[in-house]
PDB file of N, CA and C in Angstrom:
ATOM      1  N   UNK A   1       0.801  -1.015  -0.118  1.00  0.00           N
ATOM      2  CA  UNK A   1       0.041  -0.029  -0.082  1.00  0.00           C
ATOM      3  C   UNK A   1       1.422   1.150  -0.257  1.00  0.00           C
ATOM      4  N   UNK A   2       0.707   2.375  -0.932  1.00  0.00           N
ATOM      5  CA  UNK A   2       1.262   3.573  -1.235  1.00  0.00           C
ATOM      6  C   UNK A   2       0.910   4.846  -0.360  1.00  0.00           C
ATOM      7  N   UNK A   3       1.492   5.091  -0.150  1.00  0.00           N
ATOM      8  CA  UNK A   3       1.133   6.457   0.434  1.00  0.00           C
ATOM      9  C   UNK A   3       0.511   7.375   0.473  1.00  0.00           C
ATOM     10  N   UNK A   4       0.049   7.424  -1.159  1.00  0.00           N
ATOM     11  CA  UNK A   4      -1.580   7.656  -1.461  1.00  0.00           C
ATOM     12  C   UNK A   4      -2.723   7.561  -1.111  1.00  0.00           C
ATOM     13  N   UNK A   5      -2.576   6.208  -0.797  1.00  0.00           N
ATOM     14  CA  UNK A   5      -3.599   5.110  -0.400  1.00  0.00           C
ATOM     15  C   UNK A   5      -4.027   5.373   0.245  1.00  0.00           C
ATOM     16  N   UNK A   6      -2.910   5.137   1.125  1.00  0.00           N
ATOM     17  CA  UNK A   6      -3.259   5.685   2.642  1.00  0.00           C
ATOM     18  C   UNK A   6      -3.911   6.917   3.058  1.00  0.00           C
ATOM     19  N   UNK A   7      -3.415   7.753   2.343  1.00  0.00           N
ATOM     20  CA  UNK A   7      -3.777   9.265   2.565  1.00  0.00           C
ATOM     21  C   UNK A   7      -5.687   9.276   2.100  1.00  0.00           C
ATOM     22  N   UNK A   8      -5.123   8.331   0.809  1.00  0.00           N
ATOM     23  CA  UNK A   8      -6.837   8.679   0.395  1.00  0.00           C
ATOM     24  C   UNK A   8      -7.888   7.983   1.648  1.00  0.00           C
ATOM     25  N   UNK A   9      -7.488   6.843   1.806  1.00  0.00           N
ATOM     26  CA  UNK A   9      -8.139   6.048   3.275  1.00  0.00           C
ATOM     27  C   UNK A   9      -9.216   6.582   3.824  1.00  0.00           C
ATOM     28  N   UNK A  10      -7.901   8.488   4.555  1.00  0.00           N
ATOM     29  CA  UNK A  10      -7.919   8.874   5.885  1.00  0.00           C
ATOM     30  C   UNK A  10      -8.882  10.235   5.463  1.00  0.00           C
ATOM     31  N   UNK A  11      -9.306  11.339   6.121  1.00  0.00           N
ATOM     32  CA  UNK A  11      -9.888  12.353   6.138  1.00  0.00           C
ATOM     33  C   UNK A  11      -9.498  12.800   7.021  1.00  0.00           C
ATOM     34  N   UNK A  12      -9.210  14.141   7.907  1.00  0.00           N
ATOM     35  CA  UNK A  12      -9.267  14.887   8.949  1.00  0.00           C
ATOM     36  C   UNK A  12     -10.343  15.490   9.125  1.00  0.00           C
ATOM     37  N   UNK A  13     -11.007  15.624  10.078  1.00  0.00           N
ATOM     38  CA  UNK A  13     -11.929  16.129  10.452  1.00  0.00           C
ATOM     39  C   UNK A  13     -11.633  17.867  11.325  1.00  0.00           C
ATOM     40  N   UNK A  14     -13.282  18.274  10.448  1.00  0.00           N
ATOM     41  CA  UNK A  14     -12.645  19.866  10.489  1.00  0.00           C
ATOM     42  C   UNK A  14     -12.616  19.946  11.795  1.00  0.00           C
ATOM     43  N   UNK A  15     -13.665  19.454  12.533  1.00  0.00           N
ATOM     44  CA  UNK A  15     -14.269  19.816  14.346  1.00  0.00           C
ATOM     45  C   UNK A  15     -13.671  19.720  15.419  1.00  0.00           C
ATOM     46  N   UNK A  16     -12.695  18.158  15.306  1.00  0.00           N
ATOM     47  CA  UNK A  16     -12.392  17.496  16.308  1.00  0.00           C
ATOM     48  C   UNK A  16     -10.736  17.702  15.841  1.00  0.00           C
ATOM     49  N   UNK A  17     -10.291  17.633  14.578  1.00  0.00           N
ATOM     50  CA  UNK A  17      -8.722  17.433  14.207  1.00  0.00           C
ATOM     51  C   UNK A  17      -8.794  15.980  13.795  1.00  0.00           C
ATOM     52  N   UNK A  18      -8.932  14.985  14.367  1.00  0.00           N
ATOM     53  CA  UNK A  18      -8.519  13.557  14.408  1.00  0.00           C
ATOM     54  C   UNK A  18      -8.707  13.366  12.982  1.00  0.00           C
ATOM     55  N   UNK A  19      -7.673  12.796  12.120  1.00  0.00           N
ATOM     56  CA  UNK A  19      -7.527  11.770  11.646  1.00  0.00           C
ATOM     57  C   UNK A  19      -8.359   9.967  11.702  1.00  0.00           C
ATOM     58  N   UNK A  20      -9.726  10.104  10.587  1.00  0.00           N
ATOM     59  CA  UNK A  20     -10.379   9.237  10.519  1.00  0.00           C
ATOM     60  C   UNK A  20     -10.507   8.446   9.033  1.00  0.00           C
ATOM     61  N   UNK A  21     -10.875   7.721   9.353  1.00  0.00           N
ATOM     62  CA  UNK A  21     -11.721   6.525   7.557  1.00  0.00           C
ATOM     63  C   UNK A  21     -12.782   7.113   7.046  1.00  0.00           C
ATOM     64  N   UNK A  22     -12.775   7.415   5.878  1.00  0.00           N
ATOM     65  CA  UNK A  22     -13.366   8.201   5.328  1.00  0.00           C
ATOM     66  C   UNK A  22     -14.818   7.155   5.547  1.00  0.00           C
ATOM     67  N   UNK A  23     -15.160   6.341   5.839  1.00  0.00           N
ATOM     68  CA  UNK A  23     -16.475   5.448   6.032  1.00  0.00           C
ATOM     69  C   UNK A  23     -16.883   6.238   7.544  1.00  0.00           C
ATOM     70  N   UNK A  24     -16.071   7.268   8.572  1.00  0.00           N
ATOM     71  CA  UNK A  24     -16.292   7.798   9.624  1.00  0.00           C
ATOM     72  C   UNK A  24     -17.352   9.759   8.897  1.00  0.00           C
ATOM     73  N   UNK A  25     -17.051   8.866   7.691  1.00  0.00           N
ATOM     74  CA  UNK A  25     -18.115  10.792   7.208  1.00  0.00           C
ATOM     75  C   UNK A  25     -19.380  10.358   6.375  1.00  0.00           C
ATOM     76  N   UNK A  26     -20.114  10.881   6.739  1.00  0.00           N
ATOM     77  CA  UNK A  26     -21.157  11.172   5.766  1.00  0.00           C
ATOM     78  C   UNK A  26     -21.461  11.601   4.285  1.00  0.00           C
ATOM     79  N   UNK A  27     -21.962  10.813   3.737  1.00  0.00           N
ATOM     80  CA  UNK A  27     -21.699  11.367   2.544  1.00  0.00           C
ATOM     81  C   UNK A  27     -21.819  13.219   2.031  1.00  0.00           C
ATOM     82  N   UNK A  28     -21.879  13.711   1.500  1.00  0.00           N
ATOM     83  CA  UNK A  28     -22.469  15.564   0.835  1.00  0.00           C
ATOM     84  C   UNK A  28     -21.585  15.481  -0.507  1.00  0.00           C
ATOM     85  N   UNK A  29     -22.268  15.679  -1.449  1.00  0.00           N
ATOM     86  CA  UNK A  29     -21.486  16.096  -2.847  1.00  0.00           C
ATOM     87  C   UNK A  29     -21.760  17.631  -3.375  1.00  0.00           C
ATOM     88  N   UNK A  30     -22.073  18.436  -2.166  1.00  0.00           N
ATOM     89  CA  UNK A  30     -21.257  19.802  -2.114  1.00  0.00           C
ATOM     90  C   UNK A  30     -19.830  19.871  -1.853  1.00  0.00           C
ATOM     91  N   UNK A  31     -19.685  18.408  -1.192  1.00  0.00           N
ATOM     92  CA  UNK A  31     -17.418  18.926  -1.208  1.00  0.00           C
ATOM     93  C   UNK A  31     -16.970  18.522  -2.490  1.00  0.00           C
ATOM     94  N   UNK A  32     -15.517  18.425  -2.088  1.00  0.00           N
ATOM     95  CA  UNK A  32     -15.308  18.511  -2.950  1.00  0.00           C
ATOM     96  C   UNK A  32     -14.647  16.788  -3.103  1.00  0.00           C
ATOM     97  N   UNK A  33     -14.409  16.467  -1.931  1.00  0.00           N
ATOM     98  CA  UNK A  33     -14.265  15.505  -2.294  1.00  0.00           C
ATOM     99  C   UNK A  33     -15.406  14.174  -1.494  1.00  0.00           C
ATOM    100  N   UNK A  34     -16.524  15.158  -2.121  1.00  0.00           N
ATOM    101  CA  UNK A  34     -18.030  14.582  -1.455  1.00  0.00           C
ATOM    102  C   UNK A  34     -18.336  13.535   0.020  1.00  0.00           C
ATOM    103  N   UNK A  35     -17.613  13.838   0.410  1.00  0.00           N
ATOM    104  CA  UNK A  35     -17.495  13.756   1.859  1.00  0.00           C
ATOM    105  C   UNK A  35     -18.028  15.148   2.539  1.00  0.00           C
ATOM    106  N   UNK A  36     -19.069  14.586   3.947  1.00  0.00           N
ATOM    107  CA  UNK A  36     -19.273  15.871   4.871  1.00  0.00           C
ATOM    108  C   UNK A  36     -17.294  16.556   6.001  1.00  0.00           C
ATOM    109  N   UNK A  37     -17.588  17.894   6.063  1.00  0.00           N
ATOM    110  CA  UNK A  37     -16.382  18.509   6.717  1.00  0.00           C
ATOM    111  C   UNK A  37     -15.830  17.418   8.121  1.00  0.00           C
ATOM    112  N   UNK A  38     -17.517  17.351   8.565  1.00  0.00           N
ATOM    113  CA  UNK A  38     -16.822  17.143  10.310  1.00  0.00           C
ATOM    114  C   UNK A  38     -17.930  15.790   9.808  1.00  0.00           C
ATOM    115  N   UNK A  39     -16.739  14.656  10.748  1.00  0.00           N
ATOM    116  CA  UNK A  39     -17.168  13.199  10.797  1.00  0.00           C
ATOM    117  C   UNK A  39     -18.373  13.195  11.930  1.00  0.00           C
ATOM    118  N   UNK A  40     -19.189  11.816  11.600  1.00  0.00           N
ATOM    119  CA  UNK A  40     -20.579  11.653  12.161  1.00  0.00           C
ATOM    120  C   UNK A  40     -20.693  12.275  13.604  1.00  0.00           C
ATOM    121  N   UNK A  41     -19.934  11.679  14.668  1.00  0.00           N
ATOM    122  CA  UNK A  41     -20.007  12.258  16.182  1.00  0.00           C
ATOM    123  C   UNK A  41     -19.818  13.566  15.980  1.00  0.00           C
ATOM    124  N   UNK A  42     -18.785  14.556  15.545  1.00  0.00           N
ATOM    125  CA  UNK A  42     -18.824  16.415  15.309  1.00  0.00           C
ATOM    126  C   UNK A  42     -20.008  16.752  14.697  1.00  0.00           C
ATOM    127  N   UNK A  43     -20.940  15.937  13.344  1.00  0.00           N
ATOM    128  CA  UNK A  43     -21.923  16.365  13.508  1.00  0.00           C
ATOM    129  C   UNK A  43     -23.250  15.966  14.133  1.00  0.00           C
ATOM    130  N   UNK A  44     -23.765  15.132  14.888  1.00  0.00           N
ATOM    131  CA  UNK A  44     -24.217  14.957  16.306  1.00  0.00           C
ATOM    132  C   UNK A  44     -24.213  15.499  17.660  1.00  0.00           C
ATOM    133  N   UNK A  45     -22.936  15.795  17.763  1.00  0.00           N
ATOM    134  CA  UNK A  45     -22.503  16.693  18.913  1.00  0.00           C
ATOM    135  C   UNK A  45     -22.604  18.075  18.406  1.00  0.00           C
ATOM    136  N   UNK A  46     -22.630  18.305  17.142  1.00  0.00           N
ATOM    137  CA  UNK A  46     -23.488  20.735  16.513  1.00  0.00           C
ATOM    138  C   UNK A  46     -25.109  20.252  16.953  1.00  0.00           C
ATOM    139  N   UNK A  47     -25.459  18.792  16.228  1.00  0.00           N
ATOM    140  CA  UNK A  47     -27.083  18.900  16.089  1.00  0.00           C
ATOM    141  C   UNK A  47     -27.117  18.822  17.230  1.00  0.00           C
ATOM    142  N   UNK A  48     -27.071  17.830  18.370  1.00  0.00           N
ATOM    143  CA  UNK A  48     -27.128  18.476  20.359  1.00  0.00           C
ATOM    144  C   UNK A  48     -27.509  19.926  21.354  1.00  0.00           C
ATOM    145  N   UNK A  49     -26.524  20.382  20.310  1.00  0.00           N
ATOM    146  CA  UNK A  49     -26.138  21.633  21.036  1.00  0.00           C
ATOM    147  C   UNK A  49     -27.032  22.225  19.849  1.00  0.00           C
ATOM    148  N   UNK A  50     -27.555  22.982  18.803  1.00  0.00           N
ATOM    149  CA  UNK A  50     -28.520  23.886  18.467  1.00  0.00           C
ATOM    150  C   UNK A  50     -29.809  23.012  19.170  1.00  0.00           C
ATOM    151  N   UNK A  51     -30.382  21.820  19.419  1.00  0.00           N
ATOM    152  CA  UNK A  51     -31.663  21.001  19.843  1.00  0.00           C
ATOM    153  C   UNK A  51     -31.630  21.804  21.514  1.00  0.00           C
ATOM    154  N   UNK A  52     -30.419  21.499  22.575  1.00  0.00           N
ATOM    155  CA  UNK A  52     -30.693  22.443  23.444  1.00  0.00           C
ATOM    156  C   UNK A  52     -30.768  23.868  23.222  1.00  0.00           C
ATOM    157  N   UNK A  53     -30.129  24.614  21.919  1.00  0.00           N
ATOM    158  CA  UNK A  53     -30.642  26.038  22.363  1.00  0.00           C
ATOM    159  C   UNK A  53     -31.654  26.257  21.302  1.00  0.00           C
ATOM    160  N   UNK A  54     -32.274  25.672  20.848  1.00  0.00           N
ATOM    161  CA  UNK A  54     -33.558  25.865  20.305  1.00  0.00           C
ATOM    162  C   UNK A  54     -34.996  25.608  21.923  1.00  0.00           C
ATOM    163  N   UNK A  55     -34.735  24.541  22.411  1.00  0.00           N
ATOM    164  CA  UNK A  55     -34.903  24.284  23.318  1.00  0.00           C
ATOM    165  C   UNK A  55     -35.368  25.157  24.366  1.00  0.00           C
ATOM    166  N   UNK A  56     -33.478  25.795  24.703  1.00  0.00           N
ATOM    167  CA  UNK A  56     -33.192  27.171  25.445  1.00  0.00           C
ATOM    168  C   UNK A  56     -34.435  28.331  25.053  1.00  0.00           C
ATOM    169  N   UNK A  57     -34.228  28.758  23.925  1.00  0.00           N
ATOM    170  CA  UNK A  57     -35.113  29.833  23.428  1.00  0.00           C
ATOM    171  C   UNK A  57     -36.826  29.607  23.608  1.00  0.00           C
ATOM    172  N   UNK A  58     -37.448  27.975  23.694  1.00  0.00           N
ATOM    173  CA  UNK A  58     -38.431  27.708  23.290  1.00  0.00           C
ATOM    174  C   UNK A  58     -38.693  28.059  24.930  1.00  0.00           C
ATOM    175  N   UNK A  59     -38.766  27.873  25.496  1.00  0.00           N
ATOM    176  CA  UNK A  59     -38.589  28.141  27.355  1.00  0.00           C
ATOM    177  C   UNK A  59     -38.561  28.862  27.762  1.00  0.00           C
ATOM    178  N   UNK A  60     -38.169  29.894  27.432  1.00  0.00           N
ATOM    179  CA  UNK A  60     -37.916  31.420  27.927  1.00  0.00           C
ATOM    180  C   UNK A  60     -39.083  31.801  27.185  1.00  0.00           C
ATOM    181  N   UNK A  61     -39.235  31.653  26.141  1.00  0.00           N
ATOM    182  CA  UNK A  61     -40.525  32.520  25.460  1.00  0.00           C
ATOM    183  C   UNK A  61     -41.660  31.878  26.281  1.00  0.00           C
ATOM    184  N   UNK A  62     -41.967  30.625  26.687  1.00  0.00           N
ATOM    185  CA  UNK A  62     -42.860  30.041  27.753  1.00  0.00           C
ATOM    186  C   UNK A  62     -42.916  30.752  28.671  1.00  0.00           C
ATOM    187  N   UNK A  63     -42.609  31.184  29.021  1.00  0.00           N
ATOM    188  CA  UNK A  63     -41.824  31.909  30.734  1.00  0.00           C
ATOM    189  C   UNK A  63     -41.928  32.900  30.446  1.00  0.00           C
ATOM    190  N   UNK A  64     -42.177  33.783  29.534  1.00  0.00           N
ATOM    191  CA  UNK A  64     -42.276  34.858  28.943  1.00  0.00           C
ATOM    192  C   UNK A  64     -43.621  35.381  28.800  1.00  0.00           C
ATOM    193  N   UNK A  65     -44.524  34.658  28.218  1.00  0.00           N
ATOM    194  CA  UNK A  65     -45.449  34.956  27.634  1.00  0.00           C
ATOM    195  C   UNK A  65     -46.595  34.674  28.740  1.00  0.00           C
ATOM    196  N   UNK A  66     -46.500  32.945  29.625  1.00  0.00           N
ATOM    197  CA  UNK A  66     -47.492  32.791  30.533  1.00  0.00           C
ATOM    198  C   UNK A  66     -47.146  33.921  32.438  1.00  0.00           C
ATOM    199  N   UNK A  67     -46.219  34.715  32.071  1.00  0.00           N
ATOM    200  CA  UNK A  67     -46.433  35.946  33.387  1.00  0.00           C
ATOM    201  C   UNK A  67     -47.144  37.161  32.331  1.00  0.00           C
ATOM    202  N   UNK A  68     -47.116  36.851  31.562  1.00  0.00           N
ATOM    203  CA  UNK A  68     -48.464  38.215  30.501  1.00  0.00           C
ATOM    204  C   UNK A  68     -49.358  38.373  31.114  1.00  0.00           C
ATOM    205  N   UNK A  69     -50.385  39.121  31.344  1.00  0.00           N
ATOM    206  CA  UNK A  69     -51.707  39.411  31.934  1.00  0.00           C
ATOM    207  C   UNK A  69     -52.566  38.890  30.747  1.00  0.00           C
ATOM    208  N   UNK A  70     -53.688  38.377  30.955  1.00  0.00           N
ATOM    209  CA  UNK A  70     -54.458  38.227  29.900  1.00  0.00           C
ATOM    210  C   UNK A  70     -54.983  39.147  28.291  1.00  0.00           C
ATOM    211  N   UNK A  71     -54.972  40.828  29.132  1.00  0.00           N
ATOM    212  CA  UNK A  71     -54.918  41.444  28.362  1.00  0.00           C
ATOM    213  C   UNK A  71     -53.135  41.876  26.872  1.00  0.00           C
ATOM    214  N   UNK A  72     -52.159  41.555  27.909  1.00  0.00           N
ATOM    215  CA  UNK A  72     -51.015  41.703  27.152  1.00  0.00           C
ATOM    216  C   UNK A  72     -50.962  40.366  26.124  1.00  0.00           C
ATOM    217  N   UNK A  73     -51.054  39.100  26.452  1.00  0.00           N
ATOM    218  CA  UNK A  73     -51.515  38.012  25.294  1.00  0.00           C
ATOM    219  C   UNK A  73     -52.201  38.465  24.321  1.00  0.00           C
ATOM    220  N   UNK A  74     -53.461  38.952  24.690  1.00  0.00           N
ATOM    221  CA  UNK A  74     -54.171  39.460  23.187  1.00  0.00           C
ATOM    222  C   UNK A  74     -54.048  40.149  22.793  1.00  0.00           C
ATOM    223  N   UNK A  75     -53.132  41.215  23.442  1.00  0.00           N
ATOM    224  CA  UNK A  75     -52.372  42.479  22.201  1.00  0.00           C
ATOM    225  C   UNK A  75     -51.260  42.061  21.578  1.00  0.00           C
ATOM    226  N   UNK A  76     -50.317  40.626  22.403  1.00  0.00           N
ATOM    227  CA  UNK A  76     -49.585  40.243  21.625  1.00  0.00           C
ATOM    228  C   UNK A  76     -50.019  39.719  19.807  1.00  0.00           C
ATOM    229  N   UNK A  77     -50.846  38.483  20.105  1.00  0.00           N
ATOM    230  CA  UNK A  77     -51.512  37.449  19.592  1.00  0.00           C
ATOM    231  C   UNK A  77     -52.227  38.515  18.250  1.00  0.00           C
ATOM    232  N   UNK A  78     -53.022  39.873  18.511  1.00  0.00           N
ATOM    233  CA  UNK A  78     -53.093  39.957  17.508  1.00  0.00           C
ATOM    234  C   UNK A  78     -51.557  41.186  16.374  1.00  0.00           C
ATOM    235  N   UNK A  79     -50.999  40.981  16.995  1.00  0.00           N
ATOM    236  CA  UNK A  79     -49.217  41.753  16.855  1.00  0.00           C
ATOM    237  C   UNK A  79     -49.070  40.476  16.103  1.00  0.00           C
ATOM    238  N   UNK A  80     -48.784  39.753  16.216  1.00  0.00           N
ATOM    239  CA  UNK A  80     -48.404  38.715  15.686  1.00  0.00           C
ATOM    240  C   UNK A  80     -49.036  38.045  14.437  1.00  0.00           C
ATOM    241  N   UNK A  81     -50.178  38.176  14.548  1.00  0.00           N
ATOM    242  CA  UNK A  81     -51.421  37.941  13.584  1.00  0.00           C
ATOM    243  C   UNK A  81     -50.863  39.179  12.116  1.00  0.00           C
ATOM    244  N   UNK A  82     -51.196  40.324  12.548  1.00  0.00           N
ATOM    245  CA  UNK A  82     -50.919  41.536  12.023  1.00  0.00           C
ATOM    246  C   UNK A  82     -49.567  41.171  10.977  1.00  0.00           C
ATOM    247  N   UNK A  83     -48.026  40.992  11.479  1.00  0.00           N
ATOM    248  CA  UNK A  83     -47.554  40.886  11.316  1.00  0.00           C
ATOM    249  C   UNK A  83     -47.344  39.637   9.955  1.00  0.00           C
ATOM    250  N   UNK A  84     -48.153  38.733  10.914  1.00  0.00           N
ATOM    251  CA  UNK A  84     -48.010  37.167   9.566  1.00  0.00           C
ATOM    252  C   UNK A  84     -48.553  37.564   7.923  1.00  0.00           C
ATOM    253  N   UNK A  85     -50.347  38.216   8.283  1.00  0.00           N
ATOM    254  CA  UNK A  85     -50.749  38.553   7.524  1.00  0.00           C
ATOM    255  C   UNK A  85     -50.343  39.645   6.188  1.00  0.00           C
ATOM    256  N   UNK A  86     -48.747  40.680   7.019  1.00  0.00           N
ATOM    257  CA  UNK A  86     -48.018  41.289   5.792  1.00  0.00           C
ATOM    258  C   UNK A  86     -47.394  40.800   5.132  1.00  0.00           C
ATOM    259  N   UNK A  87     -46.979  39.912   6.027  1.00  0.00           N
ATOM    260  CA  UNK A  87     -46.050  38.987   5.106  1.00  0.00           C
ATOM    261  C   UNK A  87     -46.099  38.615   4.463  1.00  0.00           C
ATOM    262  N   UNK A  88     -47.419  37.631   4.781  1.00  0.00           N
ATOM    263  CA  UNK A  88     -48.273  36.581   3.625  1.00  0.00           C
ATOM    264  C   UNK A  88     -48.577  37.850   2.406  1.00  0.00           C
ATOM    265  N   UNK A  89     -48.929  38.329   2.517  1.00  0.00           N
ATOM    266  CA  UNK A  89     -48.965  39.728   1.060  1.00  0.00           C
ATOM    267  C   UNK A  89     -48.121  40.406   0.931  1.00  0.00           C
ATOM    268  N   UNK A  90     -47.169  40.052   1.693  1.00  0.00           N
ATOM    269  CA  UNK A  90     -45.816  40.432   0.254  1.00  0.00           C
ATOM    270  C   UNK A  90     -45.096  39.447  -0.465  1.00  0.00           C
ATOM    271  N   UNK A  91     -45.160  38.390   0.424  1.00  0.00           N
ATOM    272  CA  UNK A  91     -44.883  36.916  -0.286  1.00  0.00           C
ATOM    273  C   UNK A  91     -45.951  36.859  -1.726  1.00  0.00           C
ATOM    274  N   UNK A  92     -47.078  37.119  -1.734  1.00  0.00           N
ATOM    275  CA  UNK A  92     -47.921  36.920  -2.089  1.00  0.00           C
ATOM    276  C   UNK A  92     -47.608  38.423  -3.698  1.00  0.00           C
ATOM    277  N   UNK A  93     -47.333  39.522  -3.222  1.00  0.00           N
ATOM    278  CA  UNK A  93     -47.077  40.453  -4.189  1.00  0.00           C
ATOM    279  C   UNK A  93     -45.891  40.092  -4.726  1.00  0.00           C
ATOM    280  N   UNK A  94     -44.688  39.263  -3.998  1.00  0.00           N
ATOM    281  CA  UNK A  94     -43.411  38.888  -5.062  1.00  0.00           C
ATOM    282  C   UNK A  94     -44.034  37.571  -6.004  1.00  0.00           C
ATOM    283  N   UNK A  95     -44.778  36.887  -5.946  1.00  0.00           N
ATOM    284  CA  UNK A  95     -45.113  35.297  -6.238  1.00  0.00           C
ATOM    285  C   UNK A  95     -45.391  36.083  -7.826  1.00  0.00           C
ATOM    286  N   UNK A  96     -46.342  37.390  -7.338  1.00  0.00           N
ATOM    287  CA  UNK A  96     -47.510  38.061  -8.580  1.00  0.00           C
ATOM    288  C   UNK A  96     -46.767  38.700  -9.249  1.00  0.00           C
ATOM    289  N   UNK A  97     -45.111  39.454  -9.443  1.00  0.00           N
ATOM    290  CA  UNK A  97     -44.273  39.955 -10.150  1.00  0.00           C
ATOM    291  C   UNK A  97     -43.460  38.994 -10.555  1.00  0.00           C
ATOM    292  N   UNK A  98     -43.154  38.292  -9.951  1.00  0.00           N
ATOM    293  CA  UNK A  98     -42.366  36.903 -10.330  1.00  0.00           C
ATOM    294  C   UNK A  98     -43.411  36.314 -12.047  1.00  0.00           C
ATOM    295  N   UNK A  99     -44.511  35.815 -11.241  1.00  0.00           N
ATOM    296  CA  UNK A  99     -45.631  35.533 -12.662  1.00  0.00           C
ATOM    297  C   UNK A  99     -45.693  36.485 -13.895  1.00  0.00           C
ATOM    298  N   UNK A 100     -45.579  37.974 -12.990  1.00  0.00           N
ATOM    299  CA  UNK A 100     -45.695  38.556 -14.335  1.00  0.00           C
ATOM    300  C   UNK A 100     -44.202  38.465 -15.545  1.00  0.00           C
ATOM    301  N   UNK A 101     -43.885  38.491 -14.983  1.00  0.00           N
ATOM    302  CA  UNK A 101     -41.918  38.800 -15.601  1.00  0.00           C
ATOM    303  C   UNK A 101     -42.227  37.356 -16.236  1.00  0.00           C
ATOM    304  N   UNK A 102     -43.098  36.079 -16.484  1.00  0.00           N
ATOM    305  CA  UNK A 102     -42.565  34.994 -16.968  1.00  0.00           C
ATOM    306  C   UNK A 102     -43.629  35.094 -18.008  1.00  0.00           C
ATOM    307  N   UNK A 103     -44.945  34.660 -17.815  1.00  0.00           N
ATOM    308  CA  UNK A 103     -46.062  35.409 -18.343  1.00  0.00           C
ATOM    309  C   UNK A 103     -46.205  36.758 -19.517  1.00  0.00           C
TER     310      UNK A 103
END
């Protein structure tokens, strides 16, 4: 086995910096070598960290909303509803513009 064969069978993880067999990496056609830059273990660790951050944000929002008075909750609900309507109108206008350009 030559040095090139050994190098081709091993890849370095960009997160933990360990040299691991190529089988330790998920495939990803967007990368030059067709493999993800992080090993599977590091990808799972990043996913767990993100899930923890999201859970913490949701917990904080739930705590904040539960501490609001009924009037404040209703005001917040109406504001969110207004925001969603405005967003949907804007999205529809953009879609209509793109259809006009095509048609």
